[in-house]
Amino acid sequence: MIEKLPLLTPDASRRANTITRCHDRLAARRRKIEARNRPSGARALGAECLLVGGFCVVYLIAMAGDLLAIAARR
């Protein structure tokens, strides 16, 4: 039964296709990793600073209001 099976020989075109697919998958993975590690843009950094600054201002105003309320009770 096994004697009737054809002998497998290397196929150059199939090998080239396999190597091409592997290179494409590796390149896609590399681009995905690079995109994840890419630094954020200047606009995103500016928006983040503005947001944090806004929260700080709101906190300071609330704290000043609490201090004035404590001072008014005395």
Protein backbone atom coordinates (compact mmCIF):
# COMPACT_ATOMS: atom_id res chain seq x y z
CA MET A 1 0.00 0.00 0.00
CA ILE A 2 2.73 2.48 0.90
CA GLU A 3 4.71 1.46 -2.16
CA LYS A 4 2.04 2.99 -4.40
CA LEU A 5 2.38 6.49 -2.93
CA PRO A 6 4.33 8.98 -5.05
CA LEU A 7 7.70 10.16 -3.80
CA LEU A 8 7.51 13.75 -2.57
CA THR A 9 9.98 16.15 -4.12
CA PRO A 10 10.68 19.75 -3.10
CA ASP A 11 8.63 22.31 -4.99
CA ALA A 12 10.45 25.60 -5.52
CA SER A 13 7.34 27.70 -6.18
CA ARG A 14 5.58 26.38 -3.06
CA ARG A 15 8.71 27.08 -1.02
CA ALA A 16 8.84 30.65 -2.36
CA ASN A 17 5.14 31.19 -1.54
CA THR A 18 5.64 29.91 2.00
CA ILE A 19 8.65 32.14 2.57
CA THR A 20 6.75 35.14 1.16
CA ARG A 21 3.80 34.51 3.49
CA CYS A 22 6.15 34.20 6.48
CA HIS A 23 7.89 37.46 5.59
CA ASP A 24 4.53 39.22 5.18
CA ARG A 25 3.30 37.99 8.57
CA LEU A 26 6.55 39.02 10.26
CA ALA A 27 6.38 42.46 8.64
CA ALA A 28 2.77 42.90 9.77
CA ARG A 29 3.70 41.91 13.31
CA ARG A 30 6.65 44.33 13.24
CA ARG A 31 4.41 47.20 12.06
CA LYS A 32 1.88 46.40 14.79
CA ILE A 33 4.58 46.50 17.50
CA GLU A 34 6.06 49.73 16.10
CA ALA A 35 2.62 51.37 16.01
CA ARG A 36 2.03 50.40 19.63
CA ASN A 37 5.39 51.88 20.72
CA ARG A 38 5.11 55.01 18.60
CA PRO A 39 5.23 58.20 20.70
CA SER A 40 2.02 60.19 20.80
CA GLY A 41 1.71 63.32 18.72
CA ALA A 42 2.14 66.89 19.90
CA ARG A 43 -1.62 67.50 19.82
CA ALA A 44 -2.30 64.58 22.13
CA LEU A 45 0.41 65.77 24.52
CA GLY A 46 -1.01 69.31 24.51
CA ALA A 47 -4.52 68.04 25.15
CA GLU A 48 -3.27 65.90 28.03
CA CYS A 49 -1.48 68.87 29.63
CA LEU A 50 -4.58 71.01 29.22
CA LEU A 51 -6.77 68.36 30.82
CA VAL A 52 -4.44 67.84 33.79
CA GLY A 53 -4.11 71.60 34.24
CA GLY A 54 -7.89 71.95 34.22
CA PHE A 55 -8.28 69.30 36.92
CA CYS A 56 -5.63 71.08 39.02
CA VAL A 57 -7.45 74.41 38.73
CA VAL A 58 -10.77 72.81 39.71
CA TYR A 59 -9.10 71.15 42.71
CA LEU A 60 -7.50 74.41 43.86
CA ILE A 61 -10.78 76.29 43.56
CA ALA A 62 -12.59 73.59 45.57
CA MET A 63 -9.84 73.65 48.21
CA ALA A 64 -10.02 77.46 48.46
CA GLY A 65 -13.79 77.22 48.89
CA ASP A 66 -13.34 74.72 51.73
CA LEU A 67 -10.79 76.96 53.42
CA LEU A 68 -13.09 79.97 53.16
CA ALA A 69 -15.96 77.92 54.60
CA ILE A 70 -13.78 76.84 57.56
CA ALA A 71 -12.61 80.44 58.13
CA ALA A 72 -16.20 81.73 58.02
CA ARG A 73 -17.27 79.35 60.83
CA ARG A 74 -14.78 80.88 63.30
